[in-house]
Amino acid sequence: MKSLLIFGASRGTGEQVVKHARKQGYRCVAVVRQQAHYDALLELGVEPILGDANDIDIIEKACLLAGKDCTIVSTLGGNQANYQPQMHIINQAEKHQINHMVLITSLGCGDSWSTLSERAKAAFGYAVREKTLAEAWLQTSLLDYCILRPGGLTNGEATHNARCDTNTEVHGYIRRHDLALVILDKIQQPQLGNNIYSVIDPDLVVERS
């Protein structure tokens, strides 16, 4: 049984990854900060660890529990979208000989910074720059990685119409369910291949009031 070590599993895309992964028979280990999320994941058959992704000891505990043959999935967002916890995760993965990691960042990171509007840079440019640092740390690590840069994330049922692009400027949205399915599709490949993809649903339109 393939094992996943998931950071950011308590909500959003990470939560959807857990649900889909369990349905597909994956063993899942996850780090969560709140007891309620711990209990909810336990009911799904996940092996949760209560703690913070900024805590190196907690990350090390998670790596040891998941085992060196696992694949790490990090969807950390919100106030945990910063560079430091991602750096700790990558460092501990190297230390414990975990070779594979999927990192979720966002459109605008890295060499796609210039595609952001000035309004977008002003609104969430700081978070994008932090995520860019995390990408750079992973790219210069020993890990076999895949970086996914989704467009705007929305809720709703999967459309199964997600598109992964490389070296192409894209704009748009994607549902969290679909992004989770893309993540699991990438994990099923023999090698992640050190690839970076922009991920959107080209037909998804979000109405703004």
N, C-alpha and C. Protein backbone atom coordinates (compact mmCIF):
# COMPACT_ATOMS: atom_id res chain seq x y z
N MET A 1 0.84 -1.19 0.00
CA MET A 1 0.00 0.00 0.00
C MET A 1 0.88 1.24 0.00
N LYS A 2 0.66 2.13 -0.96
CA LYS A 2 1.45 3.35 -1.05
C LYS A 2 1.06 4.31 0.06
N SER A 3 2.05 4.96 0.65
CA SER A 3 1.81 5.87 1.76
C SER A 3 1.99 7.32 1.34
N LEU A 4 1.11 8.18 1.86
CA LEU A 4 1.22 9.61 1.66
C LEU A 4 1.41 10.28 3.01
N LEU A 5 2.26 11.29 3.04
CA LEU A 5 2.43 12.15 4.21
C LEU A 5 1.92 13.52 3.81
N ILE A 6 0.82 13.95 4.42
CA ILE A 6 0.11 15.13 3.95
C ILE A 6 0.19 16.25 4.98
N PHE A 7 0.60 17.41 4.53
CA PHE A 7 0.60 18.63 5.33
C PHE A 7 -0.46 19.56 4.75
N GLY A 8 -1.37 20.03 5.62
CA GLY A 8 -2.49 20.85 5.17
C GLY A 8 -3.75 20.04 4.95
N ALA A 9 -3.85 18.90 5.65
CA ALA A 9 -4.94 17.95 5.41
C ALA A 9 -6.26 18.32 6.08
N SER A 10 -6.26 19.35 6.90
CA SER A 10 -7.46 19.62 7.70
C SER A 10 -8.54 20.38 6.94
N ARG A 11 -8.20 20.96 5.79
CA ARG A 11 -9.20 21.74 5.05
C ARG A 11 -8.78 21.89 3.60
N GLY A 12 -9.70 22.45 2.80
CA GLY A 12 -9.38 22.80 1.42
C GLY A 12 -8.89 21.64 0.59
N THR A 13 -7.88 21.92 -0.23
CA THR A 13 -7.35 20.90 -1.15
C THR A 13 -6.79 19.71 -0.40
N GLY A 14 -6.08 19.96 0.69
CA GLY A 14 -5.50 18.86 1.46
C GLY A 14 -6.54 17.90 1.98
N GLU A 15 -7.66 18.43 2.43
CA GLU A 15 -8.76 17.59 2.90
C GLU A 15 -9.30 16.72 1.77
N GLN A 16 -9.43 17.30 0.57
CA GLN A 16 -9.91 16.54 -0.57
C GLN A 16 -8.91 15.47 -1.00
N VAL A 17 -7.61 15.78 -0.89
CA VAL A 17 -6.59 14.77 -1.19
C VAL A 17 -6.75 13.57 -0.28
N VAL A 18 -6.95 13.82 1.01
CA VAL A 18 -7.12 12.74 1.97
C VAL A 18 -8.32 11.87 1.61
N LYS A 19 -9.46 12.51 1.34
CA LYS A 19 -10.68 11.76 1.06
C LYS A 19 -10.54 10.91 -0.20
N HIS A 20 -10.01 11.50 -1.26
CA HIS A 20 -9.83 10.74 -2.50
C HIS A 20 -8.77 9.65 -2.34
N ALA A 21 -7.70 9.97 -1.62
CA ALA A 21 -6.62 8.99 -1.43
C ALA A 21 -7.10 7.79 -0.63
N ARG A 22 -7.89 8.02 0.40
CA ARG A 22 -8.41 6.90 1.19
C ARG A 22 -9.33 6.02 0.34
N LYS A 23 -10.14 6.64 -0.51
CA LYS A 23 -11.02 5.87 -1.39
C LYS A 23 -10.21 5.01 -2.35
N GLN A 24 -9.03 5.50 -2.72
CA GLN A 24 -8.17 4.76 -3.65
C GLN A 24 -7.25 3.77 -2.94
N GLY A 25 -7.36 3.68 -1.62
CA GLY A 25 -6.61 2.68 -0.88
C GLY A 25 -5.25 3.11 -0.39
N TYR A 26 -4.95 4.41 -0.43
CA TYR A 26 -3.68 4.89 0.08
C TYR A 26 -3.67 4.89 1.61
N ARG A 27 -2.54 4.60 2.16
CA ARG A 27 -2.30 4.86 3.59
C ARG A 27 -1.93 6.33 3.72
N CYS A 28 -2.56 7.03 4.66
CA CYS A 28 -2.34 8.46 4.81
C CYS A 28 -1.89 8.81 6.23
N VAL A 29 -0.81 9.53 6.32
CA VAL A 29 -0.34 10.12 7.57
C VAL A 29 -0.48 11.63 7.40
N ALA A 30 -0.98 12.32 8.41
CA ALA A 30 -1.22 13.75 8.27
C ALA A 30 -0.91 14.48 9.57
N VAL A 31 -0.37 15.69 9.44
CA VAL A 31 -0.10 16.57 10.58
C VAL A 31 -1.19 17.63 10.64
N VAL A 32 -1.86 17.73 11.79
CA VAL A 32 -2.92 18.72 11.98
C VAL A 32 -2.71 19.41 13.33
N ARG A 33 -3.24 20.62 13.43
CA ARG A 33 -3.01 21.43 14.63
C ARG A 33 -4.14 21.36 15.64
N GLN A 34 -5.33 20.98 15.21
CA GLN A 34 -6.48 21.03 16.10
C GLN A 34 -7.05 19.63 16.38
N GLN A 35 -7.51 19.43 17.62
CA GLN A 35 -8.02 18.13 18.03
C GLN A 35 -9.23 17.71 17.19
N ALA A 36 -10.09 18.67 16.84
CA ALA A 36 -11.28 18.34 16.05
C ALA A 36 -10.89 17.77 14.68
N HIS A 37 -9.87 18.36 14.08
CA HIS A 37 -9.40 17.86 12.78
C HIS A 37 -8.73 16.50 12.95
N TYR A 38 -8.01 16.33 14.04
CA TYR A 38 -7.38 15.04 14.37
C TYR A 38 -8.44 13.95 14.43
N ASP A 39 -9.52 14.22 15.16
CA ASP A 39 -10.60 13.24 15.34
C ASP A 39 -11.28 12.93 14.02
N ALA A 40 -11.52 13.97 13.19
CA ALA A 40 -12.19 13.77 11.90
C ALA A 40 -11.35 12.90 10.97
N LEU A 41 -10.04 13.14 10.94
CA LEU A 41 -9.16 12.35 10.09
C LEU A 41 -9.05 10.91 10.58
N LEU A 42 -9.07 10.75 11.89
CA LEU A 42 -9.01 9.41 12.47
C LEU A 42 -10.19 8.57 11.99
N GLU A 43 -11.36 9.18 11.90
CA GLU A 43 -12.56 8.48 11.44
C GLU A 43 -12.45 8.07 9.97
N LEU A 44 -11.64 8.80 9.20
CA LEU A 44 -11.43 8.46 7.79
C LEU A 44 -10.39 7.37 7.58
N GLY A 45 -9.77 6.93 8.68
CA GLY A 45 -8.73 5.92 8.57
C GLY A 45 -7.35 6.48 8.37
N VAL A 46 -7.21 7.79 8.60
CA VAL A 46 -5.91 8.46 8.50
C VAL A 46 -5.14 8.24 9.80
N GLU A 47 -3.81 8.28 9.72
CA GLU A 47 -2.96 8.23 10.92
C GLU A 47 -2.50 9.65 11.21
N PRO A 48 -3.28 10.40 12.01
CA PRO A 48 -2.96 11.81 12.24
C PRO A 48 -1.93 12.00 13.35
N ILE A 49 -1.21 13.10 13.24
CA ILE A 49 -0.28 13.54 14.29
C ILE A 49 -0.68 14.95 14.67
N LEU A 50 -0.88 15.17 15.95
CA LEU A 50 -1.30 16.47 16.43
C LEU A 50 -0.07 17.34 16.67
N GLY A 51 0.01 18.45 15.93
CA GLY A 51 1.17 19.32 16.07
C GLY A 51 1.18 20.37 14.97
N ASP A 52 2.27 21.11 14.92
CA ASP A 52 2.40 22.23 14.00
C ASP A 52 3.50 21.96 12.99
N ALA A 53 3.26 22.37 11.75
CA ALA A 53 4.25 22.15 10.69
C ALA A 53 5.47 23.04 10.84
N ASN A 54 5.45 23.95 11.79
CA ASN A 54 6.65 24.74 12.10
C ASN A 54 7.55 24.04 13.11
N ASP A 55 7.06 22.93 13.67
CA ASP A 55 7.79 22.21 14.70
C ASP A 55 8.61 21.09 14.05
N ILE A 56 9.90 21.22 14.06
CA ILE A 56 10.77 20.24 13.39
C ILE A 56 10.60 18.86 13.99
N ASP A 57 10.42 18.78 15.31
CA ASP A 57 10.23 17.47 15.95
C ASP A 57 8.96 16.78 15.47
N ILE A 58 7.90 17.56 15.26
CA ILE A 58 6.65 16.99 14.76
C ILE A 58 6.83 16.49 13.33
N ILE A 59 7.52 17.28 12.51
CA ILE A 59 7.77 16.86 11.12
C ILE A 59 8.60 15.59 11.10
N GLU A 60 9.61 15.52 11.93
CA GLU A 60 10.45 14.32 11.99
C GLU A 60 9.63 13.10 12.41
N LYS A 61 8.77 13.29 13.40
CA LYS A 61 7.89 12.20 13.85
C LYS A 61 7.02 11.71 12.70
N ALA A 62 6.48 12.65 11.93
CA ALA A 62 5.61 12.30 10.81
C ALA A 62 6.39 11.55 9.73
N CYS A 63 7.61 12.00 9.44
CA CYS A 63 8.44 11.33 8.43
C CYS A 63 8.75 9.89 8.84
N LEU A 64 9.05 9.70 10.09
CA LEU A 64 9.37 8.36 10.59
C LEU A 64 8.15 7.45 10.53
N LEU A 65 6.98 7.98 10.88
CA LEU A 65 5.76 7.19 10.85
C LEU A 65 5.38 6.83 9.41
N ALA A 66 5.50 7.79 8.50
CA ALA A 66 5.11 7.55 7.11
C ALA A 66 6.08 6.60 6.40
N GLY A 67 7.36 6.68 6.76
CA GLY A 67 8.35 5.80 6.15
C GLY A 67 8.99 6.40 4.91
N LYS A 68 10.19 5.94 4.60
CA LYS A 68 10.98 6.57 3.54
C LYS A 68 10.40 6.35 2.14
N ASP A 69 9.49 5.39 1.99
CA ASP A 69 8.91 5.13 0.67
C ASP A 69 7.64 5.95 0.41
N CYS A 70 7.28 6.83 1.32
CA CYS A 70 6.07 7.63 1.14
C CYS A 70 6.31 8.76 0.15
N THR A 71 5.23 9.38 -0.26
CA THR A 71 5.28 10.63 -1.03
C THR A 71 4.70 11.73 -0.16
N ILE A 72 5.42 12.83 -0.04
CA ILE A 72 4.93 13.98 0.74
C ILE A 72 4.07 14.85 -0.17
N VAL A 73 2.93 15.28 0.37
CA VAL A 73 2.06 16.26 -0.30
C VAL A 73 1.89 17.44 0.65
N SER A 74 2.30 18.61 0.21
CA SER A 74 2.13 19.81 1.04
C SER A 74 1.21 20.80 0.34
N THR A 75 0.06 21.04 0.99
CA THR A 75 -0.90 22.02 0.49
C THR A 75 -1.05 23.16 1.49
N LEU A 76 -0.04 23.37 2.32
CA LEU A 76 -0.13 24.37 3.37
C LEU A 76 -0.55 25.73 2.80
N GLY A 77 -1.52 26.32 3.46
CA GLY A 77 -2.03 27.61 3.01
C GLY A 77 -2.34 28.51 4.18
N GLY A 78 -2.99 29.63 3.89
CA GLY A 78 -3.33 30.58 4.96
C GLY A 78 -2.09 31.08 5.65
N ASN A 79 -2.13 31.14 6.98
CA ASN A 79 -0.97 31.66 7.71
C ASN A 79 0.17 30.66 7.78
N GLN A 80 0.00 29.47 7.16
CA GLN A 80 1.08 28.50 7.09
C GLN A 80 1.64 28.39 5.67
N ALA A 81 1.33 29.36 4.83
CA ALA A 81 1.79 29.30 3.44
C ALA A 81 3.22 29.80 3.31
N ASN A 82 3.84 30.11 4.44
CA ASN A 82 5.16 30.72 4.39
C ASN A 82 6.25 29.70 4.12
N TYR A 83 7.40 30.23 3.88
CA TYR A 83 8.57 29.45 3.44
C TYR A 83 9.12 28.52 4.52
N GLN A 84 9.12 28.96 5.77
CA GLN A 84 9.84 28.22 6.81
C GLN A 84 9.33 26.80 7.02
N PRO A 85 8.02 26.56 7.20
CA PRO A 85 7.60 25.18 7.40
C PRO A 85 7.89 24.29 6.20
N GLN A 86 7.77 24.84 5.00
CA GLN A 86 8.09 24.05 3.82
C GLN A 86 9.57 23.67 3.80
N MET A 87 10.42 24.60 4.20
CA MET A 87 11.85 24.32 4.27
C MET A 87 12.12 23.19 5.27
N HIS A 88 11.45 23.24 6.44
CA HIS A 88 11.64 22.19 7.44
C HIS A 88 11.18 20.84 6.91
N ILE A 89 10.05 20.82 6.21
CA ILE A 89 9.54 19.57 5.65
C ILE A 89 10.54 18.98 4.66
N ILE A 90 11.05 19.80 3.77
CA ILE A 90 12.00 19.34 2.76
C ILE A 90 13.29 18.85 3.42
N ASN A 91 13.78 19.59 4.40
CA ASN A 91 15.00 19.19 5.09
C ASN A 91 14.84 17.85 5.79
N GLN A 92 13.71 17.65 6.46
CA GLN A 92 13.47 16.39 7.16
C GLN A 92 13.27 15.24 6.18
N ALA A 93 12.66 15.54 5.04
CA ALA A 93 12.52 14.51 4.02
C ALA A 93 13.89 14.02 3.56
N GLU A 94 14.79 14.95 3.30
CA GLU A 94 16.15 14.56 2.91
C GLU A 94 16.83 13.76 4.01
N LYS A 95 16.68 14.23 5.23
CA LYS A 95 17.33 13.55 6.37
C LYS A 95 16.88 12.10 6.49
N HIS A 96 15.59 11.87 6.24
CA HIS A 96 15.03 10.53 6.43
C HIS A 96 14.84 9.78 5.12
N GLN A 97 15.52 10.26 4.08
CA GLN A 97 15.60 9.57 2.79
C GLN A 97 14.24 9.35 2.13
N ILE A 98 13.35 10.32 2.33
CA ILE A 98 12.09 10.34 1.59
C ILE A 98 12.36 11.05 0.27
N ASN A 99 12.04 10.42 -0.82
CA ASN A 99 12.52 10.90 -2.12
C ASN A 99 11.53 11.69 -2.95
N HIS A 100 10.24 11.65 -2.60
CA HIS A 100 9.22 12.21 -3.49
C HIS A 100 8.35 13.23 -2.77
N MET A 101 8.08 14.35 -3.45
CA MET A 101 7.25 15.39 -2.85
C MET A 101 6.47 16.15 -3.92
N VAL A 102 5.19 16.37 -3.63
CA VAL A 102 4.34 17.25 -4.45
C VAL A 102 4.06 18.50 -3.62
N LEU A 103 4.41 19.65 -4.16
CA LEU A 103 4.23 20.94 -3.48
C LEU A 103 3.19 21.76 -4.25
N ILE A 104 2.20 22.25 -3.52
CA ILE A 104 1.16 23.07 -4.12
C ILE A 104 1.44 24.53 -3.78
N THR A 105 1.60 25.35 -4.81
CA THR A 105 1.85 26.77 -4.58
C THR A 105 0.73 27.57 -5.25
N SER A 106 1.01 28.38 -6.24
CA SER A 106 -0.05 29.13 -6.93
C SER A 106 0.49 29.76 -8.20
N LEU A 107 -0.42 30.08 -9.09
CA LEU A 107 -0.03 30.88 -10.25
C LEU A 107 0.62 32.17 -9.77
N GLY A 108 1.65 32.59 -10.47
CA GLY A 108 2.38 33.79 -10.08
C GLY A 108 3.69 33.49 -9.39
N CYS A 109 3.88 32.24 -8.97
CA CYS A 109 5.14 31.89 -8.31
C CYS A 109 6.26 31.73 -9.33
N GLY A 110 7.48 31.91 -8.83
CA GLY A 110 8.65 31.68 -9.66
C GLY A 110 8.65 32.52 -10.93
N ASP A 111 8.90 31.86 -12.06
CA ASP A 111 9.00 32.58 -13.32
C ASP A 111 7.66 33.03 -13.87
N SER A 112 6.56 32.74 -13.15
CA SER A 112 5.25 33.22 -13.60
C SER A 112 4.84 34.50 -12.87
N TRP A 113 5.75 35.08 -12.06
CA TRP A 113 5.46 36.31 -11.33
C TRP A 113 4.98 37.43 -12.25
N SER A 114 5.59 37.53 -13.41
CA SER A 114 5.27 38.63 -14.33
C SER A 114 3.86 38.53 -14.89
N THR A 115 3.24 37.37 -14.74
CA THR A 115 1.88 37.20 -15.27
C THR A 115 0.81 37.75 -14.32
N LEU A 116 1.22 38.08 -13.08
CA LEU A 116 0.27 38.64 -12.13
C LEU A 116 0.02 40.12 -12.43
N SER A 117 -1.21 40.53 -12.26
CA SER A 117 -1.54 41.95 -12.41
C SER A 117 -0.99 42.72 -11.21
N GLU A 118 -0.87 44.02 -11.35
CA GLU A 118 -0.40 44.84 -10.23
C GLU A 118 -1.36 44.74 -9.06
N ARG A 119 -2.63 44.63 -9.36
CA ARG A 119 -3.63 44.48 -8.30
C ARG A 119 -3.41 43.18 -7.54
N ALA A 120 -3.15 42.09 -8.27
CA ALA A 120 -2.90 40.80 -7.63
C ALA A 120 -1.62 40.82 -6.81
N LYS A 121 -0.59 41.46 -7.33
CA LYS A 121 0.67 41.55 -6.58
C LYS A 121 0.46 42.30 -5.27
N ALA A 122 -0.36 43.36 -5.32
CA ALA A 122 -0.62 44.14 -4.11
C ALA A 122 -1.46 43.34 -3.11
N ALA A 123 -2.37 42.51 -3.62
CA ALA A 123 -3.29 41.79 -2.75
C ALA A 123 -2.64 40.58 -2.08
N PHE A 124 -1.93 39.77 -2.84
CA PHE A 124 -1.34 38.57 -2.25
C PHE A 124 0.08 38.29 -2.75
N GLY A 125 0.76 39.35 -3.16
CA GLY A 125 2.13 39.20 -3.64
C GLY A 125 3.09 38.67 -2.60
N TYR A 126 2.90 39.06 -1.34
CA TYR A 126 3.81 38.59 -0.29
C TYR A 126 3.74 37.08 -0.16
N ALA A 127 2.50 36.54 -0.13
CA ALA A 127 2.34 35.09 -0.01
C ALA A 127 2.93 34.37 -1.21
N VAL A 128 2.77 34.95 -2.40
CA VAL A 128 3.32 34.34 -3.61
C VAL A 128 4.84 34.30 -3.55
N ARG A 129 5.44 35.36 -3.04
CA ARG A 129 6.90 35.40 -2.93
C ARG A 129 7.40 34.37 -1.92
N GLU A 130 6.66 34.19 -0.81
CA GLU A 130 7.02 33.16 0.17
C GLU A 130 6.95 31.77 -0.47
N LYS A 131 5.88 31.53 -1.22
CA LYS A 131 5.74 30.25 -1.89
C LYS A 131 6.85 30.03 -2.92
N THR A 132 7.27 31.10 -3.55
CA THR A 132 8.37 31.02 -4.51
C THR A 132 9.66 30.56 -3.82
N LEU A 133 9.88 31.07 -2.62
CA LEU A 133 11.05 30.62 -1.85
C LEU A 133 10.96 29.13 -1.55
N ALA A 134 9.76 28.66 -1.22
CA ALA A 134 9.57 27.23 -0.95
C ALA A 134 9.85 26.41 -2.20
N GLU A 135 9.38 26.90 -3.34
CA GLU A 135 9.68 26.22 -4.60
C GLU A 135 11.18 26.11 -4.83
N ALA A 136 11.89 27.21 -4.60
CA ALA A 136 13.33 27.21 -4.82
C ALA A 136 14.05 26.23 -3.91
N TRP A 137 13.58 26.14 -2.66
CA TRP A 137 14.21 25.21 -1.71
C TRP A 137 14.00 23.77 -2.17
N LEU A 138 12.82 23.48 -2.66
CA LEU A 138 12.54 22.13 -3.15
C LEU A 138 13.33 21.84 -4.43
N GLN A 139 13.41 22.81 -5.32
CA GLN A 139 14.13 22.61 -6.58
C GLN A 139 15.62 22.37 -6.38
N THR A 140 16.16 22.88 -5.29
CA THR A 140 17.60 22.70 -5.02
C THR A 140 17.85 21.58 -4.01
N SER A 141 16.82 20.80 -3.72
CA SER A 141 16.96 19.67 -2.80
C SER A 141 17.32 18.40 -3.58
N LEU A 142 17.41 17.29 -2.86
CA LEU A 142 17.69 15.99 -3.47
C LEU A 142 16.43 15.27 -3.89
N LEU A 143 15.27 15.86 -3.64
CA LEU A 143 14.00 15.17 -3.85
C LEU A 143 13.58 15.15 -5.32
N ASP A 144 12.88 14.10 -5.69
CA ASP A 144 12.14 14.03 -6.95
C ASP A 144 10.82 14.74 -6.68
N TYR A 145 10.54 15.82 -7.40
CA TYR A 145 9.41 16.66 -7.02
C TYR A 145 8.48 16.97 -8.19
N CYS A 146 7.30 17.41 -7.81
CA CYS A 146 6.35 18.01 -8.74
C CYS A 146 5.77 19.23 -8.05
N ILE A 147 5.81 20.38 -8.72
CA ILE A 147 5.23 21.61 -8.20
C ILE A 147 4.00 21.94 -9.03
N LEU A 148 2.88 22.11 -8.35
CA LEU A 148 1.64 22.47 -9.01
C LEU A 148 1.26 23.89 -8.63
N ARG A 149 1.02 24.72 -9.64
CA ARG A 149 0.62 26.11 -9.42
C ARG A 149 -0.83 26.29 -9.88
N PRO A 150 -1.79 26.07 -8.98
CA PRO A 150 -3.18 26.21 -9.39
C PRO A 150 -3.61 27.67 -9.53
N GLY A 151 -4.65 27.87 -10.34
CA GLY A 151 -5.29 29.17 -10.41
C GLY A 151 -6.14 29.38 -9.18
N GLY A 152 -7.09 30.29 -9.25
CA GLY A 152 -7.96 30.55 -8.13
C GLY A 152 -8.74 29.31 -7.73
N LEU A 153 -8.76 28.99 -6.45
CA LEU A 153 -9.39 27.76 -5.97
C LEU A 153 -10.84 28.01 -5.59
N THR A 154 -11.72 27.11 -6.03
CA THR A 154 -13.14 27.23 -5.73
C THR A 154 -13.66 25.90 -5.19
N ASN A 155 -14.81 25.96 -4.54
CA ASN A 155 -15.48 24.76 -4.06
C ASN A 155 -16.44 24.24 -5.12
N GLY A 156 -17.00 23.09 -4.87
CA GLY A 156 -17.93 22.48 -5.81
C GLY A 156 -17.46 21.12 -6.27
N GLU A 157 -18.36 20.40 -6.92
CA GLU A 157 -18.03 19.07 -7.41
C GLU A 157 -16.97 19.12 -8.51
N ALA A 158 -16.23 18.03 -8.62
CA ALA A 158 -15.19 17.95 -9.65
C ALA A 158 -15.80 18.03 -11.05
N THR A 159 -15.14 18.77 -11.92
CA THR A 159 -15.55 18.83 -13.33
C THR A 159 -14.77 17.83 -14.18
N HIS A 160 -13.65 17.34 -13.64
CA HIS A 160 -12.75 16.42 -14.36
C HIS A 160 -12.23 17.06 -15.65
N ASN A 161 -12.05 18.37 -15.60
CA ASN A 161 -11.61 19.11 -16.78
C ASN A 161 -10.34 19.91 -16.50
N ALA A 162 -9.59 19.50 -15.48
CA ALA A 162 -8.36 20.22 -15.14
C ALA A 162 -7.32 20.06 -16.23
N ARG A 163 -6.53 21.11 -16.45
CA ARG A 163 -5.49 21.09 -17.47
C ARG A 163 -4.17 21.51 -16.85
N CYS A 164 -3.12 20.75 -17.13
CA CYS A 164 -1.78 21.07 -16.64
C CYS A 164 -0.95 21.60 -17.80
N ASP A 165 -0.38 22.79 -17.60
CA ASP A 165 0.42 23.42 -18.64
C ASP A 165 1.83 23.68 -18.12
N THR A 166 2.79 23.63 -19.02
CA THR A 166 4.16 24.01 -18.69
C THR A 166 4.62 25.10 -19.64
N ASN A 167 5.37 26.05 -19.10
CA ASN A 167 5.97 27.11 -19.91
C ASN A 167 4.95 27.89 -20.73
N THR A 168 3.73 28.02 -20.19
CA THR A 168 2.67 28.74 -20.88
C THR A 168 1.97 29.65 -19.89
N GLU A 169 1.72 30.89 -20.28
CA GLU A 169 0.98 31.79 -19.40
C GLU A 169 -0.50 31.42 -19.41
N VAL A 170 -1.04 31.15 -18.23
CA VAL A 170 -2.45 30.80 -18.11
C VAL A 170 -3.07 31.61 -16.98
N HIS A 171 -4.38 31.78 -17.06
CA HIS A 171 -5.14 32.44 -16.01
C HIS A 171 -6.45 31.68 -15.86
N GLY A 172 -6.96 31.63 -14.64
CA GLY A 172 -8.24 30.95 -14.46
C GLY A 172 -8.40 30.36 -13.09
N TYR A 173 -9.33 29.43 -12.99
CA TYR A 173 -9.73 28.84 -11.72
C TYR A 173 -9.71 27.32 -11.82
N ILE A 174 -9.77 26.70 -10.65
CA ILE A 174 -9.88 25.25 -10.59
C ILE A 174 -10.57 24.88 -9.28
N ARG A 175 -11.39 23.86 -9.32
CA ARG A 175 -12.04 23.40 -8.10
C ARG A 175 -11.09 22.53 -7.29
N ARG A 176 -11.22 22.64 -5.98
CA ARG A 176 -10.32 21.90 -5.09
C ARG A 176 -10.41 20.40 -5.31
N HIS A 177 -11.60 19.90 -5.60
CA HIS A 177 -11.76 18.48 -5.90
C HIS A 177 -10.89 18.09 -7.09
N ASP A 178 -10.92 18.91 -8.14
CA ASP A 178 -10.14 18.60 -9.34
C ASP A 178 -8.64 18.68 -9.07
N LEU A 179 -8.22 19.66 -8.29
CA LEU A 179 -6.80 19.78 -7.96
C LEU A 179 -6.34 18.56 -7.18
N ALA A 180 -7.17 18.08 -6.26
CA ALA A 180 -6.82 16.87 -5.51
C ALA A 180 -6.64 15.68 -6.43
N LEU A 181 -7.50 15.56 -7.43
CA LEU A 181 -7.39 14.46 -8.39
C LEU A 181 -6.13 14.58 -9.24
N VAL A 182 -5.75 15.81 -9.58
CA VAL A 182 -4.50 16.03 -10.32
C VAL A 182 -3.31 15.59 -9.47
N ILE A 183 -3.33 15.96 -8.19
CA ILE A 183 -2.24 15.58 -7.29
C ILE A 183 -2.09 14.06 -7.25
N LEU A 184 -3.19 13.35 -7.09
CA LEU A 184 -3.12 11.90 -7.02
C LEU A 184 -2.70 11.29 -8.35
N ASP A 185 -3.09 11.90 -9.44
CA ASP A 185 -2.65 11.42 -10.75
C ASP A 185 -1.13 11.54 -10.89
N LYS A 186 -0.57 12.65 -10.44
CA LYS A 186 0.88 12.84 -10.53
C LYS A 186 1.61 11.83 -9.65
N ILE A 187 1.05 11.57 -8.47
CA ILE A 187 1.69 10.64 -7.54
C ILE A 187 1.76 9.23 -8.12
N GLN A 188 0.80 8.88 -8.94
CA GLN A 188 0.75 7.53 -9.50
C GLN A 188 1.80 7.29 -10.57
N GLN A 189 2.45 8.36 -11.03
CA GLN A 189 3.51 8.20 -12.04
C GLN A 189 4.77 7.61 -11.37
N PRO A 190 5.54 6.82 -12.11
CA PRO A 190 6.76 6.22 -11.52
C PRO A 190 7.72 7.26 -10.97
N GLN A 191 7.84 8.40 -11.66
CA GLN A 191 8.69 9.49 -11.21
C GLN A 191 7.93 10.80 -11.36
N LEU A 192 8.14 11.69 -10.40
CA LEU A 192 7.51 13.01 -10.51
C LEU A 192 8.23 13.87 -11.55
N GLY A 193 9.51 13.61 -11.73
CA GLY A 193 10.24 14.19 -12.85
C GLY A 193 10.70 15.62 -12.70
N ASN A 194 10.64 16.17 -11.47
CA ASN A 194 11.07 17.56 -11.23
C ASN A 194 10.38 18.54 -12.17
N ASN A 195 9.06 18.37 -12.28
CA ASN A 195 8.26 19.18 -13.19
C ASN A 195 7.46 20.25 -12.45
N ILE A 196 7.15 21.34 -13.15
CA ILE A 196 6.31 22.41 -12.63
C ILE A 196 5.15 22.61 -13.60
N TYR A 197 3.93 22.60 -13.07
CA TYR A 197 2.74 22.75 -13.89
C TYR A 197 1.86 23.89 -13.38
N SER A 198 1.32 24.66 -14.29
CA SER A 198 0.21 25.55 -13.98
C SER A 198 -1.06 24.73 -14.19
N VAL A 199 -2.01 24.86 -13.25
CA VAL A 199 -3.20 24.00 -13.29
C VAL A 199 -4.46 24.84 -13.21
N ILE A 200 -5.29 24.74 -14.24
CA ILE A 200 -6.58 25.43 -14.25
C ILE A 200 -7.62 24.53 -14.93
N ASP A 201 -8.86 24.91 -14.77
CA ASP A 201 -9.95 24.37 -15.55
C ASP A 201 -10.32 25.46 -16.57
N PRO A 202 -9.98 25.28 -17.83
CA PRO A 202 -10.15 26.38 -18.80
C PRO A 202 -11.62 26.78 -19.03
N ASP A 203 -12.55 25.92 -18.66
CA ASP A 203 -13.96 26.21 -18.88
C ASP A 203 -14.67 26.72 -17.62
N LEU A 204 -13.93 26.81 -16.51
CA LEU A 204 -14.57 27.21 -15.27
C LEU A 204 -14.60 28.74 -15.17
N VAL A 205 -15.79 29.27 -15.02
CA VAL A 205 -15.99 30.70 -14.89
C VAL A 205 -16.57 30.99 -13.50
N VAL A 206 -15.97 31.91 -12.80
CA VAL A 206 -16.44 32.29 -11.47
C VAL A 206 -17.06 33.66 -11.54
N GLU A 207 -18.32 33.74 -11.19
CA GLU A 207 -19.01 35.02 -11.21
C GLU A 207 -18.69 35.80 -9.94
N ARG A 208 -18.34 37.04 -10.09
CA ARG A 208 -18.03 37.91 -8.96
C ARG A 208 -19.09 38.97 -8.83
N SER A 209 -19.53 39.19 -7.59
CA SER A 209 -20.57 40.20 -7.35
C SER A 209 -19.95 41.58 -7.21
